[in-house]
C-alpha cells in the first residue's frame, strides 16, 4: 500500500463508503465489503453485511453484520476480527456437514 493510500484512508475514514476502493490493498483476497442498503447504526454509520472475495465470485456473510463505528483504525480492526469469526463459523458448519 502506498503512502497516498494510507493518507486517503486516514483522512476519509470518517465516511467508510469513501474508502471501500482501498479494500484489496488492506485485506488480502478481498475485493470489497458490501454495506447494508438502507440500514445504519443509531449514530448514522453504515453496517458491513458481507465481503466479496478477490478471486472468483465467492461472498461471505458476516456473523453478525459489522457496524462501522468509531475511528477508521478501530472499525478496520473490527472488520478483520469479524472475518476471522465468520470464517471459523463457516468452517464449523462445514465440518458438521462432512460425512
C-alpha atoms as a PDB file:
ATOM      1  CA  UNK A   1       0.000   0.000   0.000  1.00  0.00           C
ATOM      2  CA  UNK A   2       1.349   3.413  -0.929  1.00  0.00           C
ATOM      3  CA  UNK A   3       1.590   6.403   1.381  1.00  0.00           C
ATOM      4  CA  UNK A   4      -1.100   8.169  -0.640  1.00  0.00           C
ATOM      5  CA  UNK A   5      -3.492   5.279   0.028  1.00  0.00           C
ATOM      6  CA  UNK A   6      -2.820   5.401   3.744  1.00  0.00           C
ATOM      7  CA  UNK A   7      -3.336   9.165   3.852  1.00  0.00           C
ATOM      8  CA  UNK A   8      -6.604   8.815   1.942  1.00  0.00           C
ATOM      9  CA  UNK A   9      -7.823   6.127   4.351  1.00  0.00           C
ATOM     10  CA  UNK A  10      -6.923   8.185   7.416  1.00  0.00           C
ATOM     11  CA  UNK A  11      -8.346  11.449   6.103  1.00  0.00           C
ATOM     12  CA  UNK A  12     -11.604   9.989   4.735  1.00  0.00           C
ATOM     13  CA  UNK A  13     -12.108   7.193   7.264  1.00  0.00           C
ATOM     14  CA  UNK A  14     -14.975   9.033   8.918  1.00  0.00           C
ATOM     15  CA  UNK A  15     -17.079   8.126   5.866  1.00  0.00           C
ATOM     16  CA  UNK A  16     -16.451   4.393   5.353  1.00  0.00           C
ATOM     17  CA  UNK A  17     -18.177   4.343   1.955  1.00  0.00           C
ATOM     18  CA  UNK A  18     -15.436   6.566   0.519  1.00  0.00           C
ATOM     19  CA  UNK A  19     -12.554   4.230   1.341  1.00  0.00           C
ATOM     20  CA  UNK A  20     -14.015   0.908   0.128  1.00  0.00           C
ATOM     21  CA  UNK A  21     -11.905   1.097  -3.035  1.00  0.00           C
ATOM     22  CA  UNK A  22      -8.824   0.552  -0.826  1.00  0.00           C
ATOM     23  CA  UNK A  23     -10.139  -2.787   0.480  1.00  0.00           C
ATOM     24  CA  UNK A  24      -7.989  -5.041  -1.782  1.00  0.00           C
ATOM     25  CA  UNK A  25      -4.857  -3.202  -0.665  1.00  0.00           C
ATOM     26  CA  UNK A  26      -5.595  -3.640   3.039  1.00  0.00           C
ATOM     27  CA  UNK A  27      -7.349  -7.022   3.228  1.00  0.00           C
ATOM     28  CA  UNK A  28      -5.695  -9.614   1.013  1.00  0.00           C
ATOM     29  CA  UNK A  29      -8.012 -11.678  -1.200  1.00  0.00           C
ATOM     30  CA  UNK A  30     -10.938  -9.338  -0.513  1.00  0.00           C
ATOM     31  CA  UNK A  31     -12.364  -7.268  -3.364  1.00  0.00           C
ATOM     32  CA  UNK A  32     -14.793  -5.201  -1.298  1.00  0.00           C
ATOM     33  CA  UNK A  33     -17.165  -5.098   1.632  1.00  0.00           C
ATOM     34  CA  UNK A  34     -20.864  -4.777   0.900  1.00  0.00           C
ATOM     35  CA  UNK A  35     -22.798  -2.401   3.118  1.00  0.00           C
ATOM     36  CA  UNK A  36     -26.414  -2.977   4.109  1.00  0.00           C
ATOM     37  CA  UNK A  37     -28.738  -0.867   1.986  1.00  0.00           C
ATOM     38  CA  UNK A  38     -30.935   1.468   3.993  1.00  0.00           C
ATOM     39  CA  UNK A  39     -29.753   0.167   7.356  1.00  0.00           C
ATOM     40  CA  UNK A  40     -27.454   2.251   9.532  1.00  0.00           C
ATOM     41  CA  UNK A  41     -26.365   2.413  13.149  1.00  0.00           C
ATOM     42  CA  UNK A  42     -28.005   4.846  15.596  1.00  0.00           C
ATOM     43  CA  UNK A  43     -25.035   7.175  15.014  1.00  0.00           C
ATOM     44  CA  UNK A  44     -25.777   7.055  11.240  1.00  0.00           C
ATOM     45  CA  UNK A  45     -22.817   4.836  10.310  1.00  0.00           C
ATOM     46  CA  UNK A  46     -23.008   2.042   7.729  1.00  0.00           C
ATOM     47  CA  UNK A  47     -23.122  -1.658   8.541  1.00  0.00           C
ATOM     48  CA  UNK A  48     -20.983  -4.171   6.616  1.00  0.00           C
ATOM     49  CA  UNK A  49     -23.099  -7.173   5.640  1.00  0.00           C
ATOM     50  CA  UNK A  50     -20.644  -9.353   3.727  1.00  0.00           C
ATOM     51  CA  UNK A  51     -17.402  -9.389   1.787  1.00  0.00           C
ATOM     52  CA  UNK A  52     -16.702 -10.268  -1.821  1.00  0.00           C
ATOM     53  CA  UNK A  53     -13.596 -12.369  -2.379  1.00  0.00           C
ATOM     54  CA  UNK A  54     -10.834 -11.041  -4.595  1.00  0.00           C
ATOM     55  CA  UNK A  55     -10.696 -14.285  -6.564  1.00  0.00           C
ATOM     56  CA  UNK A  56     -13.820 -15.716  -8.167  1.00  0.00           C
ATOM     57  CA  UNK A  57     -17.305 -14.676  -7.104  1.00  0.00           C
ATOM     58  CA  UNK A  58     -17.380 -16.017  -3.566  1.00  0.00           C
ATOM     59  CA  UNK A  59     -19.111 -13.989  -0.864  1.00  0.00           C
ATOM     60  CA  UNK A  60     -19.037 -14.475   2.891  1.00  0.00           C
ATOM     61  CA  UNK A  61     -21.672 -13.020   5.178  1.00  0.00           C
ATOM     62  CA  UNK A  62     -20.534 -11.621   8.499  1.00  0.00           C
ATOM     63  CA  UNK A  63     -21.907 -13.323  11.583  1.00  0.00           C
ATOM     64  CA  UNK A  64     -23.237 -10.894  12.830  1.00  0.00           C
ATOM     65  CA  UNK A  65     -23.108  -7.882  10.464  1.00  0.00           C
ATOM     66  CA  UNK A  66     -20.416  -5.362  11.411  1.00  0.00           C
ATOM     67  CA  UNK A  67     -21.284  -1.750  12.333  1.00  0.00           C
ATOM     68  CA  UNK A  68     -18.504   0.543  11.129  1.00  0.00           C
ATOM     69  CA  UNK A  69     -18.355   2.638  14.285  1.00  0.00           C
ATOM     70  CA  UNK A  70     -15.560   4.791  15.641  1.00  0.00           C
ATOM     71  CA  UNK A  71     -12.282   5.790  14.089  1.00  0.00           C
ATOM     72  CA  UNK A  72     -11.118   4.131  10.895  1.00  0.00           C
ATOM     73  CA  UNK A  73      -8.373   2.147  12.611  1.00  0.00           C
ATOM     74  CA  UNK A  74     -10.962   0.779  15.065  1.00  0.00           C
ATOM     75  CA  UNK A  75     -13.565  -0.364  12.548  1.00  0.00           C
ATOM     76  CA  UNK A  76     -10.913  -1.775  10.215  1.00  0.00           C
ATOM     77  CA  UNK A  77      -9.690  -3.990  13.070  1.00  0.00           C
ATOM     78  CA  UNK A  78     -13.308  -4.883  13.875  1.00  0.00           C
ATOM     79  CA  UNK A  79     -13.742  -5.978  10.248  1.00  0.00           C
ATOM     80  CA  UNK A  80     -10.624  -8.141  10.464  1.00  0.00           C
ATOM     81  CA  UNK A  81     -11.914  -9.762  13.660  1.00  0.00           C
ATOM     82  CA  UNK A  82     -15.318 -10.339  12.009  1.00  0.00           C
ATOM     83  CA  UNK A  83     -13.635 -12.038   9.048  1.00  0.00           C
ATOM     84  CA  UNK A  84     -11.877 -14.443  11.414  1.00  0.00           C
ATOM     85  CA  UNK A  85     -15.054 -15.231  13.368  1.00  0.00           C
ATOM     86  CA  UNK A  86     -17.172 -15.678  10.245  1.00  0.00           C
ATOM     87  CA  UNK A  87     -14.594 -17.971   8.620  1.00  0.00           C
ATOM     88  CA  UNK A  88     -14.438 -20.013  11.818  1.00  0.00           C
ATOM     89  CA  UNK A  89     -18.239 -20.355  11.945  1.00  0.00           C
ATOM     90  CA  UNK A  90     -18.326 -21.386   8.273  1.00  0.00           C
ATOM     91  CA  UNK A  91     -15.625 -23.967   8.915  1.00  0.00           C
ATOM     92  CA  UNK A  92     -17.525 -25.386  11.907  1.00  0.00           C
ATOM     93  CA  UNK A  93     -20.676 -25.779   9.774  1.00  0.00           C
ATOM     94  CA  UNK A  94     -18.656 -27.434   7.025  1.00  0.00           C
ATOM     95  CA  UNK A  95     -17.095 -29.916   9.453  1.00  0.00           C
ATOM     96  CA  UNK A  96     -20.515 -30.759  10.887  1.00  0.00           C
ATOM     97  CA  UNK A  97     -21.847 -31.499   7.374  1.00  0.00           C
ATOM     98  CA  UNK A  98     -18.810 -33.553   6.389  1.00  0.00           C
ATOM     99  CA  UNK A  99     -19.715 -37.215   6.308  1.00  0.00           C
END
